[in-house]
Structures are given as structure tokens and as C-alpha cells.
Amino acid sequence: MIKELICISCPMGCHLKVNTETKEVTGNTCKRGEIYGINEVTNPVRVITTTVKVKDGELPVIPVKTKTPIPKELNFKAMEVLNSIEIEAPISMGDIIVKDILGTGVDVVATRNLKKNIE
């Protein structure tokens, strides 16, 4: 079976054709496209970037992301977890917000500094 994909590994957006049986990739202009195509049909993963609510912060939310990709099928469950939590300021970039999200071994980290709100 041939699966058609658009590569997201670089800005070129190559139109890939991946043979799911032989794991052959065509249409890529670089090695990253081949790797992406094979991974996408065998074990699709994504980095999640979102925000988490902050208590007593100078802003009401802080941007966070998974340190490495997690299985694509866990995206919605991970978002449920992240939408349900509220952390307390101050927060430093790189702080672990959720350790080992959904048992994946992947931490969710803050991607900016956030000071405590002084009133």
C-alpha cells in the first residue's frame, strides 16, 4: 500500500510516497524526508506545544512543550492532562511542569521564564 504524505521535517514540504510494506520512500529531497516518511507509517510521533495555567504569575498562562516527541495517539490525552493543571509562579525556562507524561518517559517543560505577580 502506498501512503502519500507531506513532509514536515523542513520548510520544503516534499510530497512523499511511502510504501508501507517495503518501507521505501520517494519524493523526498533529503534524508530527513526518508526518515520522517518511514516513522510516520510505522510509529508516528509529535512534539506537543501548548500553555498551562499559572497561579499568581505576571501572566495567566505559560508556554510549555514536550522535551521530545510522544506517540501521536496520546496527543489528546496529553492535552487533557495539561489543560487540567495549574502551576504556581515563579517558573524558569526548562522547569519540568509534568514529569513522564502518560508514562511515555517524556517530560513537559516550561519554554519561558515567568515571574510571580507582585501586588
PDB file of N, CA and C in Angstrom:
ATOM      1  N   MET A   1       0.844  -1.173   0.000  1.00  0.00           N
ATOM      2  CA  MET A   1       0.000   0.000   0.000  1.00  0.00           C
ATOM      3  C   MET A   1       0.899   1.249   0.000  1.00  0.00           C
ATOM      4  N   ILE A   2       0.519   2.233  -0.789  1.00  0.00           N
ATOM      5  CA  ILE A   2       1.261   3.495  -0.866  1.00  0.00           C
ATOM      6  C   ILE A   2       0.511   4.551  -0.061  1.00  0.00           C
ATOM      7  N   LYS A   3       1.224   5.199   0.859  1.00  0.00           N
ATOM      8  CA  LYS A   3       0.648   6.283   1.646  1.00  0.00           C
ATOM      9  C   LYS A   3       1.305   7.579   1.202  1.00  0.00           C
ATOM     10  N   GLU A   4       0.485   8.596   0.907  1.00  0.00           N
ATOM     11  CA  GLU A   4       1.001   9.889   0.484  1.00  0.00           C
ATOM     12  C   GLU A   4       1.016  10.842   1.672  1.00  0.00           C
ATOM     13  N   LEU A   5       2.154  11.512   1.854  1.00  0.00           N
ATOM     14  CA  LEU A   5       2.354  12.427   2.982  1.00  0.00           C
ATOM     15  C   LEU A   5       3.017  13.700   2.496  1.00  0.00           C
ATOM     16  N   ILE A   6       2.884  14.747   3.277  1.00  0.00           N
ATOM     17  CA  ILE A   6       3.681  15.946   3.076  1.00  0.00           C
ATOM     18  C   ILE A   6       4.657  16.008   4.237  1.00  0.00           C
ATOM     19  N   CYS A   7       5.931  16.039   3.916  1.00  0.00           N
ATOM     20  CA  CYS A   7       6.979  16.023   4.937  1.00  0.00           C
ATOM     21  C   CYS A   7       6.978  17.325   5.728  1.00  0.00           C
ATOM     22  N   ILE A   8       7.124  17.220   7.043  1.00  0.00           N
ATOM     23  CA  ILE A   8       7.174  18.391   7.924  1.00  0.00           C
ATOM     24  C   ILE A   8       8.547  18.543   8.582  1.00  0.00           C
ATOM     25  N   SER A   9       9.556  17.847   8.057  1.00  0.00           N
ATOM     26  CA  SER A   9      10.891  17.901   8.658  1.00  0.00           C
ATOM     27  C   SER A   9      11.643  19.183   8.344  1.00  0.00           C
ATOM     28  N   CYS A  10      11.309  19.820   7.237  1.00  0.00           N
ATOM     29  CA  CYS A  10      11.963  21.084   6.873  1.00  0.00           C
ATOM     30  C   CYS A  10      10.962  21.927   6.083  1.00  0.00           C
ATOM     31  N   PRO A  11      11.307  23.164   5.763  1.00  0.00           N
ATOM     32  CA  PRO A  11      10.355  24.037   5.068  1.00  0.00           C
ATOM     33  C   PRO A  11      10.018  23.634   3.631  1.00  0.00           C
ATOM     34  N   MET A  12      10.717  22.682   3.044  1.00  0.00           N
ATOM     35  CA  MET A  12      10.462  22.320   1.647  1.00  0.00           C
ATOM     36  C   MET A  12       9.088  21.676   1.447  1.00  0.00           C
ATOM     37  N   GLY A  13       8.589  20.934   2.427  1.00  0.00           N
ATOM     38  CA  GLY A  13       7.264  20.325   2.312  1.00  0.00           C
ATOM     39  C   GLY A  13       7.149  19.331   1.174  1.00  0.00           C
ATOM     40  N   CYS A  14       8.119  18.451   1.058  1.00  0.00           N
ATOM     41  CA  CYS A  14       8.126  17.465  -0.028  1.00  0.00           C
ATOM     42  C   CYS A  14       6.895  16.565   0.034  1.00  0.00           C
ATOM     43  N   HIS A  15       6.392  16.205  -1.148  1.00  0.00           N
ATOM     44  CA  HIS A  15       5.274  15.275  -1.256  1.00  0.00           C
ATOM     45  C   HIS A  15       5.859  13.871  -1.338  1.00  0.00           C
ATOM     46  N   LEU A  16       5.681  13.123  -0.259  1.00  0.00           N
ATOM     47  CA  LEU A  16       6.266  11.793  -0.157  1.00  0.00           C
ATOM     48  C   LEU A  16       5.257  10.719  -0.528  1.00  0.00           C
ATOM     49  N   LYS A  17       5.785   9.642  -1.060  1.00  0.00           N
ATOM     50  CA  LYS A  17       5.014   8.416  -1.245  1.00  0.00           C
ATOM     51  C   LYS A  17       5.777   7.334  -0.505  1.00  0.00           C
ATOM     52  N   VAL A  18       5.081   6.692   0.451  1.00  0.00           N
ATOM     53  CA  VAL A  18       5.721   5.681   1.290  1.00  0.00           C
ATOM     54  C   VAL A  18       5.032   4.353   1.055  1.00  0.00           C
ATOM     55  N   ASN A  19       5.822   3.354   0.661  1.00  0.00           N
ATOM     56  CA  ASN A  19       5.310   2.003   0.514  1.00  0.00           C
ATOM     57  C   ASN A  19       5.310   1.389   1.909  1.00  0.00           C
ATOM     58  N   THR A  20       4.117   1.129   2.458  1.00  0.00           N
ATOM     59  CA  THR A  20       4.007   0.660   3.839  1.00  0.00           C
ATOM     60  C   THR A  20       4.527  -0.767   4.014  1.00  0.00           C
ATOM     61  N   GLU A  21       4.620  -1.529   2.925  1.00  0.00           N
ATOM     62  CA  GLU A  21       5.123  -2.911   3.039  1.00  0.00           C
ATOM     63  C   GLU A  21       6.643  -2.972   2.965  1.00  0.00           C
ATOM     64  N   THR A  22       7.223  -2.252   1.999  1.00  0.00           N
ATOM     65  CA  THR A  22       8.679  -2.316   1.808  1.00  0.00           C
ATOM     66  C   THR A  22       9.426  -1.193   2.527  1.00  0.00           C
ATOM     67  N   LYS A  23       8.680  -0.236   3.067  1.00  0.00           N
ATOM     68  CA  LYS A  23       9.245   0.927   3.772  1.00  0.00           C
ATOM     69  C   LYS A  23      10.143   1.760   2.850  1.00  0.00           C
ATOM     70  N   GLU A  24       9.794   1.829   1.566  1.00  0.00           N
ATOM     71  CA  GLU A  24      10.519   2.655   0.612  1.00  0.00           C
ATOM     72  C   GLU A  24       9.831   4.001   0.501  1.00  0.00           C
ATOM     73  N   VAL A  25      10.641   5.065   0.463  1.00  0.00           N
ATOM     74  CA  VAL A  25      10.128   6.433   0.389  1.00  0.00           C
ATOM     75  C   VAL A  25      10.614   7.073  -0.904  1.00  0.00           C
ATOM     76  N   THR A  26       9.693   7.725  -1.615  1.00  0.00           N
ATOM     77  CA  THR A  26      10.065   8.505  -2.795  1.00  0.00           C
ATOM     78  C   THR A  26       9.486   9.907  -2.652  1.00  0.00           C
ATOM     79  N   GLY A  27      10.074  10.855  -3.397  1.00  0.00           N
ATOM     80  CA  GLY A  27       9.589  12.226  -3.369  1.00  0.00           C
ATOM     81  C   GLY A  27      10.357  13.111  -2.411  1.00  0.00           C
ATOM     82  N   ASN A  28      11.208  12.537  -1.590  1.00  0.00           N
ATOM     83  CA  ASN A  28      11.985  13.334  -0.635  1.00  0.00           C
ATOM     84  C   ASN A  28      13.220  13.909  -1.319  1.00  0.00           C
ATOM     85  N   THR A  29      13.631  15.103  -0.866  1.00  0.00           N
ATOM     86  CA  THR A  29      14.844  15.704  -1.407  1.00  0.00           C
ATOM     87  C   THR A  29      16.009  15.602  -0.414  1.00  0.00           C
ATOM     88  N   CYS A  30      15.738  15.122   0.791  1.00  0.00           N
ATOM     89  CA  CYS A  30      16.823  14.948   1.763  1.00  0.00           C
ATOM     90  C   CYS A  30      16.563  13.695   2.605  1.00  0.00           C
ATOM     91  N   LYS A  31      17.571  13.305   3.342  1.00  0.00           N
ATOM     92  CA  LYS A  31      17.494  12.103   4.182  1.00  0.00           C
ATOM     93  C   LYS A  31      16.418  12.241   5.262  1.00  0.00           C
ATOM     94  N   ARG A  32      16.206  13.480   5.761  1.00  0.00           N
ATOM     95  CA  ARG A  32      15.194  13.687   6.800  1.00  0.00           C
ATOM     96  C   ARG A  32      13.807  13.294   6.316  1.00  0.00           C
ATOM     97  N   GLY A  33      13.530  13.532   5.044  1.00  0.00           N
ATOM     98  CA  GLY A  33      12.238  13.155   4.474  1.00  0.00           C
ATOM     99  C   GLY A  33      12.032  11.654   4.477  1.00  0.00           C
ATOM    100  N   GLU A  34      13.082  10.934   4.166  1.00  0.00           N
ATOM    101  CA  GLU A  34      13.004   9.467   4.187  1.00  0.00           C
ATOM    102  C   GLU A  34      12.733   8.974   5.610  1.00  0.00           C
ATOM    103  N   ILE A  35      13.463   9.518   6.567  1.00  0.00           N
ATOM    104  CA  ILE A  35      13.276   9.119   7.968  1.00  0.00           C
ATOM    105  C   ILE A  35      11.872   9.474   8.433  1.00  0.00           C
ATOM    106  N   TYR A  36      11.411  10.691   8.119  1.00  0.00           N
ATOM    107  CA  TYR A  36      10.064  11.116   8.508  1.00  0.00           C
ATOM    108  C   TYR A  36       9.011  10.182   7.906  1.00  0.00           C
ATOM    109  N   GLY A  37       9.127   9.873   6.628  1.00  0.00           N
ATOM    110  CA  GLY A  37       8.146   9.021   5.958  1.00  0.00           C
ATOM    111  C   GLY A  37       8.041   7.642   6.590  1.00  0.00           C
ATOM    112  N   ILE A  38       9.168   7.036   6.867  1.00  0.00           N
ATOM    113  CA  ILE A  38       9.166   5.705   7.492  1.00  0.00           C
ATOM    114  C   ILE A  38       8.577   5.777   8.898  1.00  0.00           C
ATOM    115  N   ASN A  39       9.013   6.772   9.677  1.00  0.00           N
ATOM    116  CA  ASN A  39       8.475   6.913  11.035  1.00  0.00           C
ATOM    117  C   ASN A  39       6.975   7.173  11.021  1.00  0.00           C
ATOM    118  N   GLU A  40       6.515   7.953  10.075  1.00  0.00           N
ATOM    119  CA  GLU A  40       5.098   8.319  10.034  1.00  0.00           C
ATOM    120  C   GLU A  40       4.202   7.108   9.768  1.00  0.00           C
ATOM    121  N   VAL A  41       4.683   6.133   9.034  1.00  0.00           N
ATOM    122  CA  VAL A  41       3.855   4.948   8.780  1.00  0.00           C
ATOM    123  C   VAL A  41       4.099   3.826   9.787  1.00  0.00           C
ATOM    124  N   THR A  42       5.202   3.877  10.528  1.00  0.00           N
ATOM    125  CA  THR A  42       5.477   2.816  11.497  1.00  0.00           C
ATOM    126  C   THR A  42       5.202   3.229  12.936  1.00  0.00           C
ATOM    127  N   ASN A  43       5.573   4.477  13.298  1.00  0.00           N
ATOM    128  CA  ASN A  43       5.408   4.951  14.670  1.00  0.00           C
ATOM    129  C   ASN A  43       5.317   6.475  14.673  1.00  0.00           C
ATOM    130  N   PRO A  44       4.151   7.029  14.304  1.00  0.00           N
ATOM    131  CA  PRO A  44       4.044   8.493  14.242  1.00  0.00           C
ATOM    132  C   PRO A  44       4.139   9.131  15.629  1.00  0.00           C
ATOM    133  N   VAL A  45       4.954  10.181  15.721  1.00  0.00           N
ATOM    134  CA  VAL A  45       5.156  10.905  16.981  1.00  0.00           C
ATOM    135  C   VAL A  45       5.052  12.399  16.721  1.00  0.00           C
ATOM    136  N   ARG A  46       4.753  13.157  17.782  1.00  0.00           N
ATOM    137  CA  ARG A  46       4.653  14.612  17.693  1.00  0.00           C
ATOM    138  C   ARG A  46       5.172  15.257  18.972  1.00  0.00           C
ATOM    139  N   VAL A  47       5.744  16.446  18.825  1.00  0.00           N
ATOM    140  CA  VAL A  47       6.061  17.304  19.965  1.00  0.00           C
ATOM    141  C   VAL A  47       4.802  18.108  20.245  1.00  0.00           C
ATOM    142  N   ILE A  48       4.408  18.169  21.505  1.00  0.00           N
ATOM    143  CA  ILE A  48       3.231  18.959  21.878  1.00  0.00           C
ATOM    144  C   ILE A  48       3.704  20.306  22.399  1.00  0.00           C
ATOM    145  N   THR A  49       3.125  21.376  21.873  1.00  0.00           N
ATOM    146  CA  THR A  49       3.369  22.719  22.390  1.00  0.00           C
ATOM    147  C   THR A  49       2.013  23.313  22.740  1.00  0.00           C
ATOM    148  N   THR A  50       1.922  23.861  23.939  1.00  0.00           N
ATOM    149  CA  THR A  50       0.654  24.413  24.407  1.00  0.00           C
ATOM    150  C   THR A  50       0.942  25.382  25.556  1.00  0.00           C
ATOM    151  N   THR A  51      -0.075  25.717  26.313  1.00  0.00           N
ATOM    152  CA  THR A  51       0.102  26.555  27.501  1.00  0.00           C
ATOM    153  C   THR A  51      -0.526  25.862  28.701  1.00  0.00           C
ATOM    154  N   VAL A  52      -0.045  26.252  29.885  1.00  0.00           N
ATOM    155  CA  VAL A  52      -0.559  25.732  31.146  1.00  0.00           C
ATOM    156  C   VAL A  52      -0.930  26.937  32.006  1.00  0.00           C
ATOM    157  N   LYS A  53      -2.029  26.806  32.757  1.00  0.00           N
ATOM    158  CA  LYS A  53      -2.474  27.888  33.637  1.00  0.00           C
ATOM    159  C   LYS A  53      -1.476  28.118  34.769  1.00  0.00           C
ATOM    160  N   VAL A  54      -1.337  29.403  35.147  1.00  0.00           N
ATOM    161  CA  VAL A  54      -0.395  29.781  36.205  1.00  0.00           C
ATOM    162  C   VAL A  54      -1.132  30.555  37.285  1.00  0.00           C
ATOM    163  N   LYS A  55      -0.876  30.167  38.530  1.00  0.00           N
ATOM    164  CA  LYS A  55      -1.430  30.863  39.690  1.00  0.00           C
ATOM    165  C   LYS A  55      -0.402  31.888  40.170  1.00  0.00           C
ATOM    166  N   ASP A  56      -0.860  33.108  40.423  1.00  0.00           N
ATOM    167  CA  ASP A  56      -0.022  34.188  40.951  1.00  0.00           C
ATOM    168  C   ASP A  56       1.136  34.565  40.033  1.00  0.00           C
ATOM    169  N   GLY A  57       0.955  34.413  38.736  1.00  0.00           N
ATOM    170  CA  GLY A  57       2.008  34.793  37.806  1.00  0.00           C
ATOM    171  C   GLY A  57       1.735  36.147  37.183  1.00  0.00           C
ATOM    172  N   GLU A  58       2.774  36.745  36.608  1.00  0.00           N
ATOM    173  CA  GLU A  58       2.585  38.022  35.925  1.00  0.00           C
ATOM    174  C   GLU A  58       1.761  37.853  34.651  1.00  0.00           C
ATOM    175  N   LEU A  59       1.632  36.621  34.194  1.00  0.00           N
ATOM    176  CA  LEU A  59       0.748  36.253  33.086  1.00  0.00           C
ATOM    177  C   LEU A  59      -0.119  35.084  33.536  1.00  0.00           C
ATOM    178  N   PRO A  60      -1.309  34.907  32.940  1.00  0.00           N
ATOM    179  CA  PRO A  60      -2.196  33.827  33.382  1.00  0.00           C
ATOM    180  C   PRO A  60      -1.811  32.429  32.890  1.00  0.00           C
ATOM    181  N   VAL A  61      -0.949  32.355  31.864  1.00  0.00           N
ATOM    182  CA  VAL A  61      -0.517  31.063  31.323  1.00  0.00           C
ATOM    183  C   VAL A  61       0.964  31.129  30.967  1.00  0.00           C
ATOM    184  N   ILE A  62       1.568  29.944  30.841  1.00  0.00           N
ATOM    185  CA  ILE A  62       2.969  29.860  30.417  1.00  0.00           C
ATOM    186  C   ILE A  62       3.073  28.841  29.286  1.00  0.00           C
ATOM    187  N   PRO A  63       3.893  29.113  28.260  1.00  0.00           N
ATOM    188  CA  PRO A  63       4.067  28.128  27.191  1.00  0.00           C
ATOM    189  C   PRO A  63       4.908  26.945  27.666  1.00  0.00           C
ATOM    190  N   VAL A  64       4.508  25.765  27.224  1.00  0.00           N
ATOM    191  CA  VAL A  64       5.210  24.528  27.569  1.00  0.00           C
ATOM    192  C   VAL A  64       5.324  23.650  26.330  1.00  0.00           C
ATOM    193  N   LYS A  65       6.218  22.661  26.390  1.00  0.00           N
ATOM    194  CA  LYS A  65       6.332  21.685  25.303  1.00  0.00           C
ATOM    195  C   LYS A  65       6.897  20.387  25.847  1.00  0.00           C
ATOM    196  N   THR A  66       6.658  19.313  25.100  1.00  0.00           N
ATOM    197  CA  THR A  66       7.290  18.048  25.455  1.00  0.00           C
ATOM    198  C   THR A  66       8.755  18.139  25.037  1.00  0.00           C
ATOM    199  N   LYS A  67       9.652  17.584  25.857  1.00  0.00           N
ATOM    200  CA  LYS A  67      11.089  17.647  25.546  1.00  0.00           C
ATOM    201  C   LYS A  67      11.421  16.891  24.271  1.00  0.00           C
ATOM    202  N   THR A  68      10.725  15.815  24.049  1.00  0.00           N
ATOM    203  CA  THR A  68      10.887  15.026  22.824  1.00  0.00           C
ATOM    204  C   THR A  68       9.490  14.611  22.363  1.00  0.00           C
ATOM    205  N   PRO A  69       9.374  14.107  21.154  1.00  0.00           N
ATOM    206  CA  PRO A  69       8.051  13.703  20.672  1.00  0.00           C
ATOM    207  C   PRO A  69       7.452  12.552  21.483  1.00  0.00           C
ATOM    208  N   ILE A  70       6.118  12.526  21.518  1.00  0.00           N
ATOM    209  CA  ILE A  70       5.393  11.415  22.131  1.00  0.00           C
ATOM    210  C   ILE A  70       4.543  10.755  21.054  1.00  0.00           C
ATOM    211  N   PRO A  71       4.088   9.524  21.274  1.00  0.00           N
ATOM    212  CA  PRO A  71       3.242   8.876  20.267  1.00  0.00           C
ATOM    213  C   PRO A  71       2.026   9.728  19.924  1.00  0.00           C
ATOM    214  N   LYS A  72       1.761   9.840  18.635  1.00  0.00           N
ATOM    215  CA  LYS A  72       0.688  10.702  18.139  1.00  0.00           C
ATOM    216  C   LYS A  72      -0.667  10.348  18.752  1.00  0.00           C
ATOM    217  N   GLU A  73      -0.905   9.071  18.997  1.00  0.00           N
ATOM    218  CA  GLU A  73      -2.210   8.668  19.546  1.00  0.00           C
ATOM    219  C   GLU A  73      -2.436   9.158  20.978  1.00  0.00           C
ATOM    220  N   LEU A  74      -1.393   9.656  21.640  1.00  0.00           N
ATOM    221  CA  LEU A  74      -1.531  10.172  23.008  1.00  0.00           C
ATOM    222  C   LEU A  74      -1.725  11.692  23.061  1.00  0.00           C
ATOM    223  N   ASN A  75      -1.737  12.357  21.914  1.00  0.00           N
ATOM    224  CA  ASN A  75      -1.836  13.821  21.896  1.00  0.00           C
ATOM    225  C   ASN A  75      -3.051  14.345  22.662  1.00  0.00           C
ATOM    226  N   PHE A  76      -4.236  13.814  22.396  1.00  0.00           N
ATOM    227  CA  PHE A  76      -5.437  14.329  23.043  1.00  0.00           C
ATOM    228  C   PHE A  76      -5.436  14.057  24.544  1.00  0.00           C
ATOM    229  N   LYS A  77      -4.968  12.882  24.956  1.00  0.00           N
ATOM    230  CA  LYS A  77      -4.885  12.587  26.389  1.00  0.00           C
ATOM    231  C   LYS A  77      -3.871  13.507  27.076  1.00  0.00           C
ATOM    232  N   ALA A  78      -2.753  13.760  26.421  1.00  0.00           N
ATOM    233  CA  ALA A  78      -1.748  14.667  26.989  1.00  0.00           C
ATOM    234  C   ALA A  78      -2.330  16.073  27.134  1.00  0.00           C
ATOM    235  N   MET A  79      -3.091  16.515  26.150  1.00  0.00           N
ATOM    236  CA  MET A  79      -3.713  17.835  26.231  1.00  0.00           C
ATOM    237  C   MET A  79      -4.722  17.896  27.377  1.00  0.00           C
ATOM    238  N   GLU A  80      -5.455  16.818  27.618  1.00  0.00           N
ATOM    239  CA  GLU A  80      -6.385  16.776  28.753  1.00  0.00           C
ATOM    240  C   GLU A  80      -5.626  16.969  30.065  1.00  0.00           C
ATOM    241  N   VAL A  81      -4.498  16.285  30.203  1.00  0.00           N
ATOM    242  CA  VAL A  81      -3.678  16.415  31.415  1.00  0.00           C
ATOM    243  C   VAL A  81      -3.197  17.855  31.563  1.00  0.00           C
ATOM    244  N   LEU A  82      -2.657  18.416  30.499  1.00  0.00           N
ATOM    245  CA  LEU A  82      -2.096  19.764  30.569  1.00  0.00           C
ATOM    246  C   LEU A  82      -3.166  20.829  30.784  1.00  0.00           C
ATOM    247  N   ASN A  83      -4.356  20.619  30.247  1.00  0.00           N
ATOM    248  CA  ASN A  83      -5.452  21.568  30.457  1.00  0.00           C
ATOM    249  C   ASN A  83      -6.013  21.507  31.874  1.00  0.00           C
ATOM    250  N   SER A  84      -5.753  20.426  32.583  1.00  0.00           N
ATOM    251  CA  SER A  84      -6.329  20.245  33.917  1.00  0.00           C
ATOM    252  C   SER A  84      -5.438  20.751  35.046  1.00  0.00           C
ATOM    253  N   ILE A  85      -4.215  21.159  34.736  1.00  0.00           N
ATOM    254  CA  ILE A  85      -3.312  21.561  35.815  1.00  0.00           C
ATOM    255  C   ILE A  85      -3.137  23.070  35.886  1.00  0.00           C
ATOM    256  N   GLU A  86      -2.744  23.518  37.068  1.00  0.00           N
ATOM    257  CA  GLU A  86      -2.384  24.920  37.289  1.00  0.00           C
ATOM    258  C   GLU A  86      -1.125  24.908  38.144  1.00  0.00           C
ATOM    259  N   ILE A  87      -0.113  25.620  37.696  1.00  0.00           N
ATOM    260  CA  ILE A  87       1.148  25.661  38.424  1.00  0.00           C
ATOM    261  C   ILE A  87       1.322  27.029  39.056  1.00  0.00           C
ATOM    262  N   GLU A  88       2.231  27.119  40.007  1.00  0.00           N
ATOM    263  CA  GLU A  88       2.422  28.372  40.736  1.00  0.00           C
ATOM    264  C   GLU A  88       3.717  29.061  40.308  1.00  0.00           C
ATOM    265  N   ALA A  89       3.627  30.371  40.115  1.00  0.00           N
ATOM    266  CA  ALA A  89       4.792  31.178  39.758  1.00  0.00           C
ATOM    267  C   ALA A  89       5.669  31.357  40.999  1.00  0.00           C
ATOM    268  N   PRO A  90       6.949  31.606  40.859  1.00  0.00           N
ATOM    269  CA  PRO A  90       7.706  31.832  39.640  1.00  0.00           C
ATOM    270  C   PRO A  90       8.109  30.516  38.967  1.00  0.00           C
ATOM    271  N   ILE A  91       8.369  30.623  37.659  1.00  0.00           N
ATOM    272  CA  ILE A  91       8.744  29.464  36.847  1.00  0.00           C
ATOM    273  C   ILE A  91       9.928  29.878  35.980  1.00  0.00           C
ATOM    274  N   SER A  92      10.881  28.988  35.836  1.00  0.00           N
ATOM    275  CA  SER A  92      12.038  29.251  34.978  1.00  0.00           C
ATOM    276  C   SER A  92      11.967  28.388  33.727  1.00  0.00           C
ATOM    277  N   MET A  93      12.489  28.934  32.631  1.00  0.00           N
ATOM    278  CA  MET A  93      12.542  28.167  31.394  1.00  0.00           C
ATOM    279  C   MET A  93      13.288  26.851  31.655  1.00  0.00           C
ATOM    280  N   GLY A  94      12.719  25.758  31.188  1.00  0.00           N
ATOM    281  CA  GLY A  94      13.327  24.446  31.388  1.00  0.00           C
ATOM    282  C   GLY A  94      12.804  23.705  32.601  1.00  0.00           C
ATOM    283  N   ASP A  95      12.067  24.393  33.485  1.00  0.00           N
ATOM    284  CA  ASP A  95      11.475  23.703  34.635  1.00  0.00           C
ATOM    285  C   ASP A  95      10.548  22.596  34.152  1.00  0.00           C
ATOM    286  N   ILE A  96      10.588  21.468  34.834  1.00  0.00           N
ATOM    287  CA  ILE A  96       9.694  20.364  34.484  1.00  0.00           C
ATOM    288  C   ILE A  96       8.313  20.673  35.044  1.00  0.00           C
ATOM    289  N   ILE A  97       7.336  20.716  34.168  1.00  0.00           N
ATOM    290  CA  ILE A  97       5.952  21.007  34.541  1.00  0.00           C
ATOM    291  C   ILE A  97       5.209  19.703  34.816  1.00  0.00           C
ATOM    292  N   VAL A  98       5.397  18.701  33.960  1.00  0.00           N
ATOM    293  CA  VAL A  98       4.843  17.359  34.166  1.00  0.00           C
ATOM    294  C   VAL A  98       5.955  16.372  33.869  1.00  0.00           C
ATOM    295  N   LYS A  99       6.301  15.566  34.854  1.00  0.00           N
ATOM    296  CA  LYS A  99       7.333  14.548  34.653  1.00  0.00           C
ATOM    297  C   LYS A  99       6.698  13.289  34.073  1.00  0.00           C
ATOM    298  N   ASP A 100       7.328  12.737  33.040  1.00  0.00           N
ATOM    299  CA  ASP A 100       6.916  11.447  32.461  1.00  0.00           C
ATOM    300  C   ASP A 100       5.424  11.445  32.101  1.00  0.00           C
ATOM    301  N   ILE A 101       5.019  12.363  31.239  1.00  0.00           N
ATOM    302  CA  ILE A 101       3.602  12.479  30.900  1.00  0.00           C
ATOM    303  C   ILE A 101       3.069  11.167  30.312  1.00  0.00           C
ATOM    304  N   LEU A 102       1.986  10.691  30.875  1.00  0.00           N
ATOM    305  CA  LEU A 102       1.283   9.474  30.445  1.00  0.00           C
ATOM    306  C   LEU A 102       2.192   8.249  30.361  1.00  0.00           C
ATOM    307  N   GLY A 103       3.236   8.220  31.190  1.00  0.00           N
ATOM    308  CA  GLY A 103       4.129   7.057  31.216  1.00  0.00           C
ATOM    309  C   GLY A 103       4.994   6.917  29.977  1.00  0.00           C
ATOM    310  N   THR A 104       5.176   8.004  29.228  1.00  0.00           N
ATOM    311  CA  THR A 104       5.966   7.956  27.999  1.00  0.00           C
ATOM    312  C   THR A 104       7.464   8.097  28.254  1.00  0.00           C
ATOM    313  N   GLY A 105       7.832   8.548  29.460  1.00  0.00           N
ATOM    314  CA  GLY A 105       9.224   8.833  29.739  1.00  0.00           C
ATOM    315  C   GLY A 105       9.624  10.231  29.301  1.00  0.00           C
ATOM    316  N   VAL A 106       8.660  10.997  28.790  1.00  0.00           N
ATOM    317  CA  VAL A 106       8.922  12.341  28.268  1.00  0.00           C
ATOM    318  C   VAL A 106       8.382  13.377  29.251  1.00  0.00           C
ATOM    319  N   ASP A 107       9.229  14.357  29.571  1.00  0.00           N
ATOM    320  CA  ASP A 107       8.814  15.442  30.461  1.00  0.00           C
ATOM    321  C   ASP A 107       8.240  16.602  29.650  1.00  0.00           C
ATOM    322  N   VAL A 108       7.325  17.340  30.272  1.00  0.00           N
ATOM    323  CA  VAL A 108       6.811  18.590  29.709  1.00  0.00           C
ATOM    324  C   VAL A 108       7.523  19.709  30.448  1.00  0.00           C
ATOM    325  N   VAL A 109       8.116  20.646  29.688  1.00  0.00           N
ATOM    326  CA  VAL A 109       8.924  21.700  30.293  1.00  0.00           C
ATOM    327  C   VAL A 109       8.408  23.085  29.912  1.00  0.00           C
ATOM    328  N   ALA A 110       8.701  24.065  30.778  1.00  0.00           N
ATOM    329  CA  ALA A 110       8.367  25.461  30.502  1.00  0.00           C
ATOM    330  C   ALA A 110       9.316  25.990  29.435  1.00  0.00           C
ATOM    331  N   THR A 111       8.797  26.848  28.553  1.00  0.00           N
ATOM    332  CA  THR A 111       9.635  27.377  27.483  1.00  0.00           C
ATOM    333  C   THR A 111       9.902  28.873  27.632  1.00  0.00           C
ATOM    334  N   ARG A 112       9.637  29.400  28.807  1.00  0.00           N
ATOM    335  CA  ARG A 112       9.992  30.789  29.122  1.00  0.00           C
ATOM    336  C   ARG A 112      10.038  30.981  30.625  1.00  0.00           C
ATOM    337  N   ASN A 113      10.585  32.084  31.065  1.00  0.00           N
ATOM    338  CA  ASN A 113      10.581  32.454  32.483  1.00  0.00           C
ATOM    339  C   ASN A 113       9.291  33.198  32.776  1.00  0.00           C
ATOM    340  N   LEU A 114       8.781  33.036  33.979  1.00  0.00           N
ATOM    341  CA  LEU A 114       7.576  33.769  34.387  1.00  0.00           C
ATOM    342  C   LEU A 114       7.729  34.144  35.852  1.00  0.00           C
ATOM    343  N   LYS A 115       7.674  35.443  36.112  1.00  0.00           N
ATOM    344  CA  LYS A 115       7.817  35.951  37.482  1.00  0.00           C
ATOM    345  C   LYS A 115       6.514  35.850  38.243  1.00  0.00           C
ATOM    346  N   LYS A 116       6.636  35.881  39.545  1.00  0.00           N
ATOM    347  CA  LYS A 116       5.465  35.932  40.426  1.00  0.00           C
ATOM    348  C   LYS A 116       4.866  37.330  40.332  1.00  0.00           C
ATOM    349  N   ASN A 117       3.558  37.410  40.326  1.00  0.00           N
ATOM    350  CA  ASN A 117       2.857  38.685  40.278  1.00  0.00           C
ATOM    351  C   ASN A 117       3.007  39.373  41.632  1.00  0.00           C
ATOM    352  N   ILE A 118       3.509  40.584  41.622  1.00  0.00           N
ATOM    353  CA  ILE A 118       3.698  41.337  42.865  1.00  0.00           C
ATOM    354  C   ILE A 118       2.614  42.403  42.928  1.00  0.00           C
ATOM    355  N   GLU A 119       1.726  42.264  43.879  1.00  0.00           N
ATOM    356  CA  GLU A 119       0.648  43.260  44.055  1.00  0.00           C
ATOM    357  C   GLU A 119       0.635  43.781  45.451  1.00  0.00           C
TER     358      GLU A 119
END
